[in-house]
Amino acid sequence: MTRLMKFPKALRSLSHRDFRLFTCGQMVSQVGTWMQSVAQAWLVLELTDSPFKLGIVSARQFGPILLFSFPTGAIADHVPKRVP
């Protein structure tokens, strides 16, 4: 007999096993990504002792996301969602 967990209405999607696995995997991945960002910033600051160089490294790390997110979002809005 399988017991299903009861979730509040807002978290009802977590009742699906595959979605729970996906969500947990994404959380682990995001924690790793942010740990890498913090470690990289810390390393740059320790090696150079320069807040300016830390800012340059951080800008180069997140610059492409900032630069390309708006145009690609606009393109995604104009492309048909369904394939004929």
Protein backbone atom coordinates (compact mmCIF):
# COMPACT_ATOMS: atom_id res chain seq x y z
CA MET A 1 0.00 0.00 0.00
CA THR A 2 1.44 3.34 -1.04
CA ARG A 3 0.90 6.31 1.23
CA LEU A 4 0.76 9.65 -0.47
CA MET A 5 2.00 12.69 1.36
CA LYS A 6 -0.57 15.41 1.84
CA PHE A 7 0.74 18.76 0.70
CA PRO A 8 -0.91 22.17 1.01
CA LYS A 9 -2.69 23.37 -2.10
CA ALA A 10 0.22 25.61 -3.13
CA LEU A 11 2.68 22.67 -2.99
CA ARG A 12 0.45 20.09 -4.65
CA SER A 13 2.97 19.55 -7.48
CA LEU A 14 5.34 17.94 -4.94
CA SER A 15 2.99 14.96 -4.75
CA HIS A 16 4.54 13.75 -8.04
CA ARG A 17 7.70 11.71 -7.54
CA ASP A 18 9.47 12.90 -10.69
CA PHE A 19 8.86 16.54 -9.84
CA ARG A 20 10.23 15.99 -6.31
CA LEU A 21 13.37 14.40 -7.76
CA PHE A 22 13.77 17.26 -10.24
CA THR A 23 13.27 19.89 -7.53
CA CYS A 24 15.76 18.25 -5.16
CA GLY A 25 18.31 17.92 -7.96
CA GLN A 26 17.88 21.58 -8.89
CA MET A 27 18.34 22.66 -5.27
CA VAL A 28 21.57 20.66 -4.96
CA SER A 29 22.80 22.10 -8.26
CA GLN A 30 22.02 25.68 -7.23
CA VAL A 31 23.74 25.26 -3.87
CA GLY A 32 26.84 24.01 -5.72
CA THR A 33 26.72 26.91 -8.16
CA TRP A 34 26.52 29.51 -5.42
CA MET A 35 29.24 27.78 -3.41
CA GLN A 36 31.47 28.02 -6.47
CA SER A 37 30.68 31.72 -6.87
CA VAL A 38 31.47 32.46 -3.23
CA ALA A 39 34.67 30.38 -3.33
CA GLN A 40 35.83 32.08 -6.52
CA ALA A 41 35.21 35.54 -5.09
CA TRP A 42 36.96 34.62 -1.87
CA LEU A 43 39.94 33.23 -3.77
CA VAL A 44 40.28 36.36 -5.91
CA LEU A 45 40.12 38.56 -2.83
CA GLU A 46 42.69 36.42 -0.97
CA LEU A 47 45.11 36.28 -3.91
CA THR A 48 44.91 39.91 -5.01
CA ASP A 49 43.67 41.75 -1.91
CA SER A 50 41.92 44.08 -4.36
CA PRO A 51 38.19 44.82 -4.18
CA PHE A 52 38.43 46.29 -7.69
CA LYS A 53 39.67 43.00 -9.16
CA LEU A 54 36.98 41.16 -7.24
CA GLY A 55 34.41 43.44 -8.84
CA ILE A 56 35.88 42.81 -12.30
CA VAL A 57 35.75 39.04 -11.82
CA SER A 58 32.17 39.20 -10.54
CA ALA A 59 31.08 41.43 -13.42
CA ARG A 60 32.67 39.07 -15.95
CA GLN A 61 31.01 36.10 -14.26
CA PHE A 62 27.46 37.50 -14.27
CA GLY A 63 27.77 39.94 -17.18
CA PRO A 64 26.69 37.52 -19.92
CA ILE A 65 23.52 36.64 -18.01
CA LEU A 66 22.65 40.30 -17.62
CA LEU A 67 23.58 41.11 -21.20
CA PHE A 68 21.78 38.24 -22.95
CA SER A 69 18.75 37.65 -20.73
CA PHE A 70 16.65 40.54 -22.08
CA PRO A 71 17.16 39.90 -25.81
CA THR A 72 16.72 36.14 -25.51
CA GLY A 73 13.60 36.64 -23.41
CA ALA A 74 12.13 38.86 -26.10
CA ILE A 75 13.01 36.29 -28.76
CA ALA A 76 11.45 33.51 -26.69
CA ASP A 77 8.25 35.54 -26.40
CA HIS A 78 7.99 35.92 -30.18
CA VAL A 79 8.80 32.32 -31.16
CA PRO A 80 5.81 29.94 -31.35
CA LYS A 81 5.69 27.62 -28.35
CA ARG A 82 4.27 24.62 -30.20
CA VAL A 83 5.95 22.80 -33.04
CA PRO A 84 3.55 22.17 -35.94
